[in-house]
Amino acid sequence: MKYQIGVDTGGTFTDCVVVDQGGMVIESKSFTTPDDLSVGIMKSLDGAAKQLGVSLEQMLADTRRMIYGSTIGVNTLIQRQGAPTGLITTRGFEDTILIMRAIGRADGLSEEEILFMTKRQKPEPIVPRYLIEGVTERIDCQGEVVIPLTVDEVGAAADRLLGRGVTSMAVCFLWSFVNPSHEKKAKEILNKLHPELPVSISSEVSPVLGEYERTVTTVINSYLTPAILKHIHNLQDSLKARGLRSPLLIMQCSGGCVTLQDEPNYAH
């Protein structure tokens, strides 16, 4: 295997760097193609192959490692083009993500901007109130089950949300990072009833203290995952069809790389 490849897709340009076994570095750039990011990626790769004097198929077949990074998640979030997402949470806590720990109007603003209270606006929620459903369950801070999960309510809540146009689901229960059993059961139910529905649970996405932070992280994951998975699957299929035999490594926003097989349901 001769080559190592790094590709980064931004909002305007797609950059490609190829390093051969002798240490020679080849750079290539193409315009990003928003309608299908894989088109711009393949053009960038083709440009690098031409500089090496080989075909794209030969370069990919001789590639030992390929790493891919993209701003697709950030762009999808900023442009609000994610999947219609539903949230199932502990009954009585449906408004947690909307209250925003009372910092929604000021979070991220400078001290000067915070002073002008009349000009501050609460951001539009990713999940509006009508796409949030509560179910009966309760686990305490010690991880003890106080109220068992009402299984029938999970399916009924999902049916209502799907009827309102939801195509991706987030589940976040109180204290699930201490005892994730209720969330795991809810995911099991949703997977059985709706096997094609992407489901994110907070105990897997962000198992940390902080009800609001955990909820919003899980919701964002659900909101972004369908678009990212569609793109990654499409890209991986295109690369394999053109000769890539090594696994496609995907950069995580937190650092490091994963393959699609490692983390099939999470936006990184």
C-alpha atoms as a PDB file:
ATOM      1  CA  MET A   1       0.000   0.000   0.000  1.00  0.00           C
ATOM      2  CA  LYS A   2       1.592   3.265  -1.154  1.00  0.00           C
ATOM      3  CA  TYR A   3      -0.642   6.104  -0.074  1.00  0.00           C
ATOM      4  CA  GLN A   4      -2.229   7.811   2.903  1.00  0.00           C
ATOM      5  CA  ILE A   5      -5.029  10.238   2.114  1.00  0.00           C
ATOM      6  CA  GLY A   6      -6.714  13.001   4.085  1.00  0.00           C
ATOM      7  CA  VAL A   7      -9.821  14.760   2.790  1.00  0.00           C
ATOM      8  CA  ASP A   8     -11.627  17.700   4.370  1.00  0.00           C
ATOM      9  CA  THR A   9     -14.956  18.978   3.097  1.00  0.00           C
ATOM     10  CA  GLY A  10     -15.791  22.566   4.002  1.00  0.00           C
ATOM     11  CA  GLY A  11     -18.627  24.821   3.003  1.00  0.00           C
ATOM     12  CA  THR A  12     -16.773  26.200  -0.048  1.00  0.00           C
ATOM     13  CA  PHE A  13     -13.809  23.956  -0.853  1.00  0.00           C
ATOM     14  CA  THR A  14     -12.926  20.281  -0.530  1.00  0.00           C
ATOM     15  CA  ASP A  15      -9.235  19.731   0.171  1.00  0.00           C
ATOM     16  CA  CYS A  16      -7.261  16.549  -0.383  1.00  0.00           C
ATOM     17  CA  VAL A  17      -3.743  15.677   0.755  1.00  0.00           C
ATOM     18  CA  VAL A  18      -1.983  12.498  -0.365  1.00  0.00           C
ATOM     19  CA  VAL A  19       1.300  11.279   1.126  1.00  0.00           C
ATOM     20  CA  ASP A  20       3.169   8.464  -0.610  1.00  0.00           C
ATOM     21  CA  GLN A  21       5.505   5.948   1.024  1.00  0.00           C
ATOM     22  CA  GLY A  22       8.512   8.125   0.217  1.00  0.00           C
ATOM     23  CA  GLY A  23       7.053  11.132   2.036  1.00  0.00           C
ATOM     24  CA  MET A  24       6.084  13.149  -1.032  1.00  0.00           C
ATOM     25  CA  VAL A  25       3.023  15.322  -0.392  1.00  0.00           C
ATOM     26  CA  ILE A  26       0.411  16.037  -3.064  1.00  0.00           C
ATOM     27  CA  GLU A  27      -2.335  18.621  -2.549  1.00  0.00           C
ATOM     28  CA  SER A  28      -5.566  18.985  -4.490  1.00  0.00           C
ATOM     29  CA  LYS A  29      -8.589  21.242  -4.131  1.00  0.00           C
ATOM     30  CA  SER A  30     -12.045  21.322  -5.660  1.00  0.00           C
ATOM     31  CA  PHE A  31     -15.279  23.184  -5.067  1.00  0.00           C
ATOM     32  CA  THR A  32     -17.587  21.584  -2.513  1.00  0.00           C
ATOM     33  CA  THR A  33     -20.797  20.262  -4.059  1.00  0.00           C
ATOM     34  CA  PRO A  34     -23.550  20.788  -1.447  1.00  0.00           C
ATOM     35  CA  ASP A  35     -26.188  18.682  -3.208  1.00  0.00           C
ATOM     36  CA  ASP A  36     -23.901  15.640  -3.090  1.00  0.00           C
ATOM     37  CA  LEU A  37     -20.654  16.143  -1.189  1.00  0.00           C
ATOM     38  CA  SER A  38     -19.171  12.945  -2.600  1.00  0.00           C
ATOM     39  CA  VAL A  39     -18.988  14.555  -6.082  1.00  0.00           C
ATOM     40  CA  GLY A  40     -16.613  17.264  -4.863  1.00  0.00           C
ATOM     41  CA  ILE A  41     -14.626  14.701  -2.901  1.00  0.00           C
ATOM     42  CA  MET A  42     -14.125  12.473  -5.934  1.00  0.00           C
ATOM     43  CA  LYS A  43     -13.051  15.488  -8.029  1.00  0.00           C
ATOM     44  CA  SER A  44     -10.493  16.436  -5.392  1.00  0.00           C
ATOM     45  CA  LEU A  45      -9.193  12.862  -5.244  1.00  0.00           C
ATOM     46  CA  ASP A  46      -9.043  12.683  -9.027  1.00  0.00           C
ATOM     47  CA  GLY A  47      -6.958  15.855  -9.093  1.00  0.00           C
ATOM     48  CA  ALA A  48      -4.469  14.302  -6.673  1.00  0.00           C
ATOM     49  CA  ALA A  49      -4.304  11.088  -8.723  1.00  0.00           C
ATOM     50  CA  LYS A  50      -3.510  13.046 -11.886  1.00  0.00           C
ATOM     51  CA  GLN A  51      -0.610  14.775 -10.121  1.00  0.00           C
ATOM     52  CA  LEU A  52       0.708  11.351  -9.131  1.00  0.00           C
ATOM     53  CA  GLY A  53       0.400  10.159 -12.701  1.00  0.00           C
ATOM     54  CA  VAL A  54      -1.980   7.305 -11.883  1.00  0.00           C
ATOM     55  CA  SER A  55      -5.688   6.688 -12.258  1.00  0.00           C
ATOM     56  CA  LEU A  56      -8.076   7.408  -9.411  1.00  0.00           C
ATOM     57  CA  GLU A  57      -8.868   3.700  -9.190  1.00  0.00           C
ATOM     58  CA  GLN A  58      -5.195   2.782  -8.885  1.00  0.00           C
ATOM     59  CA  MET A  59      -4.540   5.421  -6.236  1.00  0.00           C
ATOM     60  CA  LEU A  60      -7.478   4.265  -4.112  1.00  0.00           C
ATOM     61  CA  ALA A  61      -6.562   0.585  -4.547  1.00  0.00           C
ATOM     62  CA  ASP A  62      -3.051   1.392  -3.282  1.00  0.00           C
ATOM     63  CA  THR A  63      -4.275   3.470  -0.329  1.00  0.00           C
ATOM     64  CA  ARG A  64      -3.344   2.190   3.117  1.00  0.00           C
ATOM     65  CA  ARG A  65      -5.312   4.745   5.111  1.00  0.00           C
ATOM     66  CA  MET A  66      -7.946   7.331   4.254  1.00  0.00           C
ATOM     67  CA  ILE A  67      -9.194   9.865   6.801  1.00  0.00           C
ATOM     68  CA  TYR A  68     -12.194  12.091   6.190  1.00  0.00           C
ATOM     69  CA  GLY A  69     -13.343  15.219   7.983  1.00  0.00           C
ATOM     70  CA  SER A  70     -16.300  17.436   7.182  1.00  0.00           C
ATOM     71  CA  THR A  71     -18.310  20.416   8.380  1.00  0.00           C
ATOM     72  CA  ILE A  72     -21.560  18.729   7.316  1.00  0.00           C
ATOM     73  CA  GLY A  73     -22.749  18.509  10.927  1.00  0.00           C
ATOM     74  CA  VAL A  74     -22.060  22.170  11.709  1.00  0.00           C
ATOM     75  CA  ASN A  75     -23.551  23.325   8.419  1.00  0.00           C
ATOM     76  CA  THR A  76     -26.679  21.213   8.873  1.00  0.00           C
ATOM     77  CA  LEU A  77     -27.162  22.590  12.389  1.00  0.00           C
ATOM     78  CA  ILE A  78     -26.582  26.247  11.497  1.00  0.00           C
ATOM     79  CA  GLN A  79     -28.820  26.062   8.436  1.00  0.00           C
ATOM     80  CA  ARG A  80     -31.467  24.136  10.396  1.00  0.00           C
ATOM     81  CA  GLN A  81     -31.666  21.415   7.758  1.00  0.00           C
ATOM     82  CA  GLY A  82     -31.609  18.425  10.108  1.00  0.00           C
ATOM     83  CA  ALA A  83     -34.199  15.688  10.406  1.00  0.00           C
ATOM     84  CA  PRO A  84     -37.549  16.423  12.093  1.00  0.00           C
ATOM     85  CA  THR A  85     -36.713  15.095  15.551  1.00  0.00           C
ATOM     86  CA  GLY A  86     -38.917  13.895  18.370  1.00  0.00           C
ATOM     87  CA  LEU A  87     -37.990  13.724  22.049  1.00  0.00           C
ATOM     88  CA  ILE A  88     -39.276  11.185  24.553  1.00  0.00           C
ATOM     89  CA  THR A  89     -38.460  12.113  28.131  1.00  0.00           C
ATOM     90  CA  THR A  90     -39.552  11.598  31.734  1.00  0.00           C
ATOM     91  CA  ARG A  91     -43.141  12.736  32.245  1.00  0.00           C
ATOM     92  CA  GLY A  92     -43.231  16.158  33.866  1.00  0.00           C
ATOM     93  CA  PHE A  93     -39.879  17.222  32.374  1.00  0.00           C
ATOM     94  CA  GLU A  94     -40.987  17.860  28.802  1.00  0.00           C
ATOM     95  CA  ASP A  95     -40.035  21.552  28.994  1.00  0.00           C
ATOM     96  CA  THR A  96     -36.444  21.052  30.188  1.00  0.00           C
ATOM     97  CA  ILE A  97     -34.932  21.632  26.767  1.00  0.00           C
ATOM     98  CA  LEU A  98     -37.145  24.690  26.204  1.00  0.00           C
ATOM     99  CA  ILE A  99     -36.352  26.323  29.558  1.00  0.00           C
ATOM    100  CA  MET A 100     -32.626  26.025  28.727  1.00  0.00           C
ATOM    101  CA  ARG A 101     -31.637  26.334  32.402  1.00  0.00           C
ATOM    102  CA  ALA A 102     -32.751  29.975  32.055  1.00  0.00           C
ATOM    103  CA  ILE A 103     -29.575  30.815  30.102  1.00  0.00           C
ATOM    104  CA  GLY A 104     -30.966  30.488  26.589  1.00  0.00           C
ATOM    105  CA  ARG A 105     -31.292  34.235  26.037  1.00  0.00           C
ATOM    106  CA  ALA A 106     -27.748  35.019  27.150  1.00  0.00           C
ATOM    107  CA  ASP A 107     -25.627  31.957  26.477  1.00  0.00           C
ATOM    108  CA  GLY A 108     -22.834  32.709  24.020  1.00  0.00           C
ATOM    109  CA  LEU A 109     -23.264  36.490  24.151  1.00  0.00           C
ATOM    110  CA  SER A 110     -20.638  38.997  25.275  1.00  0.00           C
ATOM    111  CA  GLU A 111     -21.073  40.920  28.538  1.00  0.00           C
ATOM    112  CA  GLU A 112     -21.980  44.022  26.548  1.00  0.00           C
ATOM    113  CA  GLU A 113     -24.651  42.187  24.563  1.00  0.00           C
ATOM    114  CA  ILE A 114     -26.115  40.648  27.713  1.00  0.00           C
ATOM    115  CA  LEU A 115     -26.794  44.141  29.137  1.00  0.00           C
ATOM    116  CA  PHE A 116     -29.283  44.937  26.363  1.00  0.00           C
ATOM    117  CA  MET A 117     -32.030  42.675  27.658  1.00  0.00           C
ATOM    118  CA  THR A 118     -34.711  44.048  25.328  1.00  0.00           C
ATOM    119  CA  LYS A 119     -32.663  43.024  22.297  1.00  0.00           C
ATOM    120  CA  ARG A 120     -32.013  39.469  23.435  1.00  0.00           C
ATOM    121  CA  GLN A 121     -33.995  36.653  21.884  1.00  0.00           C
ATOM    122  CA  LYS A 122     -34.406  33.074  22.932  1.00  0.00           C
ATOM    123  CA  PRO A 123     -33.180  30.789  20.142  1.00  0.00           C
ATOM    124  CA  GLU A 124     -35.652  28.680  18.236  1.00  0.00           C
ATOM    125  CA  PRO A 125     -35.676  25.177  19.755  1.00  0.00           C
ATOM    126  CA  ILE A 126     -34.428  22.305  17.614  1.00  0.00           C
ATOM    127  CA  VAL A 127     -37.345  20.278  18.920  1.00  0.00           C
ATOM    128  CA  PRO A 128     -40.566  22.314  19.288  1.00  0.00           C
ATOM    129  CA  ARG A 129     -42.893  21.536  22.177  1.00  0.00           C
ATOM    130  CA  TYR A 130     -45.392  19.602  20.041  1.00  0.00           C
ATOM    131  CA  LEU A 131     -42.644  17.091  19.186  1.00  0.00           C
ATOM    132  CA  ILE A 132     -41.879  16.308  22.836  1.00  0.00           C
ATOM    133  CA  GLU A 133     -43.645  13.505  24.686  1.00  0.00           C
ATOM    134  CA  GLY A 134     -43.351  12.446  28.320  1.00  0.00           C
ATOM    135  CA  VAL A 135     -43.677   8.854  29.545  1.00  0.00           C
ATOM    136  CA  THR A 136     -44.138   7.468  33.038  1.00  0.00           C
ATOM    137  CA  GLU A 137     -40.851   6.335  34.622  1.00  0.00           C
ATOM    138  CA  ARG A 138     -38.460   7.502  37.315  1.00  0.00           C
ATOM    139  CA  ILE A 139     -34.957   6.571  38.449  1.00  0.00           C
ATOM    140  CA  ASP A 140     -33.426   8.403  41.411  1.00  0.00           C
ATOM    141  CA  CYS A 141     -29.926   9.833  41.793  1.00  0.00           C
ATOM    142  CA  GLN A 142     -28.699   6.556  43.286  1.00  0.00           C
ATOM    143  CA  GLY A 143     -29.799   4.659  40.205  1.00  0.00           C
ATOM    144  CA  GLU A 144     -32.722   3.001  41.996  1.00  0.00           C
ATOM    145  CA  VAL A 145     -35.946   2.489  40.068  1.00  0.00           C
ATOM    146  CA  VAL A 146     -38.664   4.529  41.794  1.00  0.00           C
ATOM    147  CA  ILE A 147     -41.307   4.134  39.077  1.00  0.00           C
ATOM    148  CA  PRO A 148     -40.901   1.391  36.451  1.00  0.00           C
ATOM    149  CA  LEU A 149     -40.981   2.389  32.794  1.00  0.00           C
ATOM    150  CA  THR A 150     -44.488   2.111  31.392  1.00  0.00           C
ATOM    151  CA  VAL A 151     -43.672   0.170  28.246  1.00  0.00           C
ATOM    152  CA  ASP A 152     -46.953   0.805  26.426  1.00  0.00           C
ATOM    153  CA  GLU A 153     -46.485   4.553  26.762  1.00  0.00           C
ATOM    154  CA  VAL A 154     -43.208   4.454  24.819  1.00  0.00           C
ATOM    155  CA  GLY A 155     -44.839   2.937  21.736  1.00  0.00           C
ATOM    156  CA  ALA A 156     -47.837   5.255  21.996  1.00  0.00           C
ATOM    157  CA  ALA A 157     -45.608   8.332  22.332  1.00  0.00           C
ATOM    158  CA  ALA A 158     -43.574   7.246  19.321  1.00  0.00           C
ATOM    159  CA  ASP A 159     -46.716   6.719  17.239  1.00  0.00           C
ATOM    160  CA  ARG A 160     -47.961  10.216  18.066  1.00  0.00           C
ATOM    161  CA  LEU A 161     -44.610  11.775  17.188  1.00  0.00           C
ATOM    162  CA  LEU A 162     -44.318   9.831  13.944  1.00  0.00           C
ATOM    163  CA  GLY A 163     -47.806  11.001  13.073  1.00  0.00           C
ATOM    164  CA  ARG A 164     -46.522  14.568  13.408  1.00  0.00           C
ATOM    165  CA  GLY A 165     -43.751  13.998  10.885  1.00  0.00           C
ATOM    166  CA  VAL A 166     -40.802  12.890  13.033  1.00  0.00           C
ATOM    167  CA  THR A 167     -38.082  10.921  11.219  1.00  0.00           C
ATOM    168  CA  SER A 168     -35.517  10.657  14.029  1.00  0.00           C
ATOM    169  CA  MET A 169     -35.955  10.066  17.771  1.00  0.00           C
ATOM    170  CA  ALA A 170     -34.115  11.132  20.918  1.00  0.00           C
ATOM    171  CA  VAL A 171     -34.697   9.596  24.361  1.00  0.00           C
ATOM    172  CA  CYS A 172     -33.535  11.234  27.574  1.00  0.00           C
ATOM    173  CA  PHE A 173     -34.696  10.157  31.046  1.00  0.00           C
ATOM    174  CA  LEU A 174     -33.717  11.523  34.444  1.00  0.00           C
ATOM    175  CA  TRP A 175     -30.551  10.004  35.953  1.00  0.00           C
ATOM    176  CA  SER A 176     -30.091   7.639  33.020  1.00  0.00           C
ATOM    177  CA  PHE A 177     -26.333   8.150  33.158  1.00  0.00           C
ATOM    178  CA  VAL A 178     -26.404   6.399  36.561  1.00  0.00           C
ATOM    179  CA  ASN A 179     -28.831   3.664  35.506  1.00  0.00           C
ATOM    180  CA  PRO A 180     -29.515   3.442  31.753  1.00  0.00           C
ATOM    181  CA  SER A 181     -31.929   0.506  31.959  1.00  0.00           C
ATOM    182  CA  HIS A 182     -35.071   2.524  31.151  1.00  0.00           C
ATOM    183  CA  GLU A 183     -33.478   4.257  28.180  1.00  0.00           C
ATOM    184  CA  LYS A 184     -32.122   0.988  26.834  1.00  0.00           C
ATOM    185  CA  LYS A 185     -35.554  -0.592  27.177  1.00  0.00           C
ATOM    186  CA  ALA A 186     -37.155   2.351  25.378  1.00  0.00           C
ATOM    187  CA  LYS A 187     -34.634   2.038  22.545  1.00  0.00           C
ATOM    188  CA  GLU A 188     -35.315  -1.690  22.330  1.00  0.00           C
ATOM    189  CA  ILE A 189     -39.045  -1.010  22.044  1.00  0.00           C
ATOM    190  CA  LEU A 190     -38.559   1.669  19.373  1.00  0.00           C
ATOM    191  CA  ASN A 191     -36.178  -0.504  17.367  1.00  0.00           C
ATOM    192  CA  LYS A 192     -38.696  -3.357  17.432  1.00  0.00           C
ATOM    193  CA  LEU A 193     -41.693  -1.226  16.493  1.00  0.00           C
ATOM    194  CA  HIS A 194     -39.896   1.031  13.992  1.00  0.00           C
ATOM    195  CA  PRO A 195     -36.676  -0.665  12.841  1.00  0.00           C
ATOM    196  CA  GLU A 196     -35.858   2.038  10.268  1.00  0.00           C
ATOM    197  CA  LEU A 197     -36.176   4.891  12.787  1.00  0.00           C
ATOM    198  CA  PRO A 198     -32.834   6.328  14.015  1.00  0.00           C
ATOM    199  CA  VAL A 199     -32.885   6.376  17.840  1.00  0.00           C
ATOM    200  CA  SER A 200     -30.399   8.178  20.094  1.00  0.00           C
ATOM    201  CA  ILE A 201     -30.421   7.682  23.876  1.00  0.00           C
ATOM    202  CA  SER A 202     -28.613  10.035  26.221  1.00  0.00           C
ATOM    203  CA  SER A 203     -26.893   7.287  28.216  1.00  0.00           C
ATOM    204  CA  GLU A 204     -24.997   6.351  25.044  1.00  0.00           C
ATOM    205  CA  VAL A 205     -24.519   9.791  23.493  1.00  0.00           C
ATOM    206  CA  SER A 206     -23.651  11.847  26.575  1.00  0.00           C
ATOM    207  CA  PRO A 207     -23.748   9.891  29.871  1.00  0.00           C
ATOM    208  CA  VAL A 208     -22.913  12.853  32.119  1.00  0.00           C
ATOM    209  CA  LEU A 209     -24.487  14.878  34.915  1.00  0.00           C
ATOM    210  CA  GLY A 210     -26.614  17.763  33.685  1.00  0.00           C
ATOM    211  CA  GLU A 211     -30.170  17.128  32.553  1.00  0.00           C
ATOM    212  CA  TYR A 212     -30.374  19.999  30.065  1.00  0.00           C
ATOM    213  CA  GLU A 213     -26.913  19.479  28.590  1.00  0.00           C
ATOM    214  CA  ARG A 214     -27.486  15.746  28.213  1.00  0.00           C
ATOM    215  CA  THR A 215     -30.880  16.282  26.605  1.00  0.00           C
ATOM    216  CA  VAL A 216     -29.799  18.902  24.104  1.00  0.00           C
ATOM    217  CA  THR A 217     -26.712  16.883  23.104  1.00  0.00           C
ATOM    218  CA  THR A 218     -28.858  13.831  22.437  1.00  0.00           C
ATOM    219  CA  VAL A 219     -31.397  15.868  20.475  1.00  0.00           C
ATOM    220  CA  ILE A 220     -28.670  17.424  18.316  1.00  0.00           C
ATOM    221  CA  ASN A 221     -27.278  13.959  17.657  1.00  0.00           C
ATOM    222  CA  SER A 222     -30.707  12.766  16.508  1.00  0.00           C
ATOM    223  CA  TYR A 223     -31.188  15.922  14.457  1.00  0.00           C
ATOM    224  CA  LEU A 224     -27.892  15.494  12.562  1.00  0.00           C
ATOM    225  CA  THR A 225     -27.443  11.733  12.321  1.00  0.00           C
ATOM    226  CA  PRO A 226     -29.729  10.985   9.320  1.00  0.00           C
ATOM    227  CA  ALA A 227     -28.020  13.567   7.063  1.00  0.00           C
ATOM    228  CA  ILE A 228     -24.533  12.538   8.141  1.00  0.00           C
ATOM    229  CA  LEU A 229     -25.188   8.805   7.800  1.00  0.00           C
ATOM    230  CA  LYS A 230     -26.704   9.264   4.339  1.00  0.00           C
ATOM    231  CA  HIS A 231     -23.627  11.184   3.232  1.00  0.00           C
ATOM    232  CA  ILE A 232     -21.107   8.765   4.776  1.00  0.00           C
ATOM    233  CA  HIS A 233     -22.852   5.703   3.305  1.00  0.00           C
ATOM    234  CA  ASN A 234     -22.957   7.361  -0.110  1.00  0.00           C
ATOM    235  CA  LEU A 235     -19.287   8.361   0.097  1.00  0.00           C
ATOM    236  CA  GLN A 236     -18.160   4.961   1.311  1.00  0.00           C
ATOM    237  CA  ASP A 237     -20.030   3.216  -1.512  1.00  0.00           C
ATOM    238  CA  SER A 238     -18.520   5.584  -4.101  1.00  0.00           C
ATOM    239  CA  LEU A 239     -14.995   5.021  -2.794  1.00  0.00           C
ATOM    240  CA  LYS A 240     -15.373   1.245  -2.730  1.00  0.00           C
ATOM    241  CA  ALA A 241     -16.742   1.291  -6.265  1.00  0.00           C
ATOM    242  CA  ARG A 242     -13.624   3.167  -7.362  1.00  0.00           C
ATOM    243  CA  GLY A 243     -11.226   0.760  -5.686  1.00  0.00           C
ATOM    244  CA  LEU A 244     -10.750   1.726  -2.007  1.00  0.00           C
ATOM    245  CA  ARG A 245     -10.135  -1.391   0.071  1.00  0.00           C
ATOM    246  CA  SER A 246      -9.082   0.116   3.398  1.00  0.00           C
ATOM    247  CA  PRO A 247     -11.738   1.307   5.891  1.00  0.00           C
ATOM    248  CA  LEU A 248     -12.836   4.938   5.637  1.00  0.00           C
ATOM    249  CA  LEU A 249     -11.808   6.646   8.889  1.00  0.00           C
ATOM    250  CA  ILE A 250     -14.049   9.498  10.011  1.00  0.00           C
ATOM    251  CA  MET A 251     -12.716  12.347  12.123  1.00  0.00           C
ATOM    252  CA  GLN A 252     -14.619  13.029  15.348  1.00  0.00           C
ATOM    253  CA  CYS A 253     -15.183  16.564  16.588  1.00  0.00           C
ATOM    254  CA  SER A 254     -13.740  15.451  19.933  1.00  0.00           C
ATOM    255  CA  GLY A 255     -10.587  14.079  18.286  1.00  0.00           C
ATOM    256  CA  GLY A 256      -9.585  10.677  16.965  1.00  0.00           C
ATOM    257  CA  CYS A 257     -11.214   8.632  14.230  1.00  0.00           C
ATOM    258  CA  VAL A 258     -13.922   5.998  13.970  1.00  0.00           C
ATOM    259  CA  THR A 259     -15.294   3.845  11.202  1.00  0.00           C
ATOM    260  CA  LEU A 260     -18.951   3.681  10.238  1.00  0.00           C
ATOM    261  CA  GLN A 261     -19.041   0.175  11.703  1.00  0.00           C
ATOM    262  CA  ASP A 262     -17.701   1.419  15.057  1.00  0.00           C
ATOM    263  CA  GLU A 263     -20.372   4.078  15.580  1.00  0.00           C
ATOM    264  CA  PRO A 264     -23.249   3.478  13.156  1.00  0.00           C
ATOM    265  CA  ASN A 265     -25.835   5.725  14.839  1.00  0.00           C
ATOM    266  CA  TYR A 266     -24.008   8.785  16.067  1.00  0.00           C
ATOM    267  CA  ALA A 267     -23.038  12.127  14.598  1.00  0.00           C
ATOM    268  CA  HIS A 268     -19.436  13.026  15.413  1.00  0.00           C
END
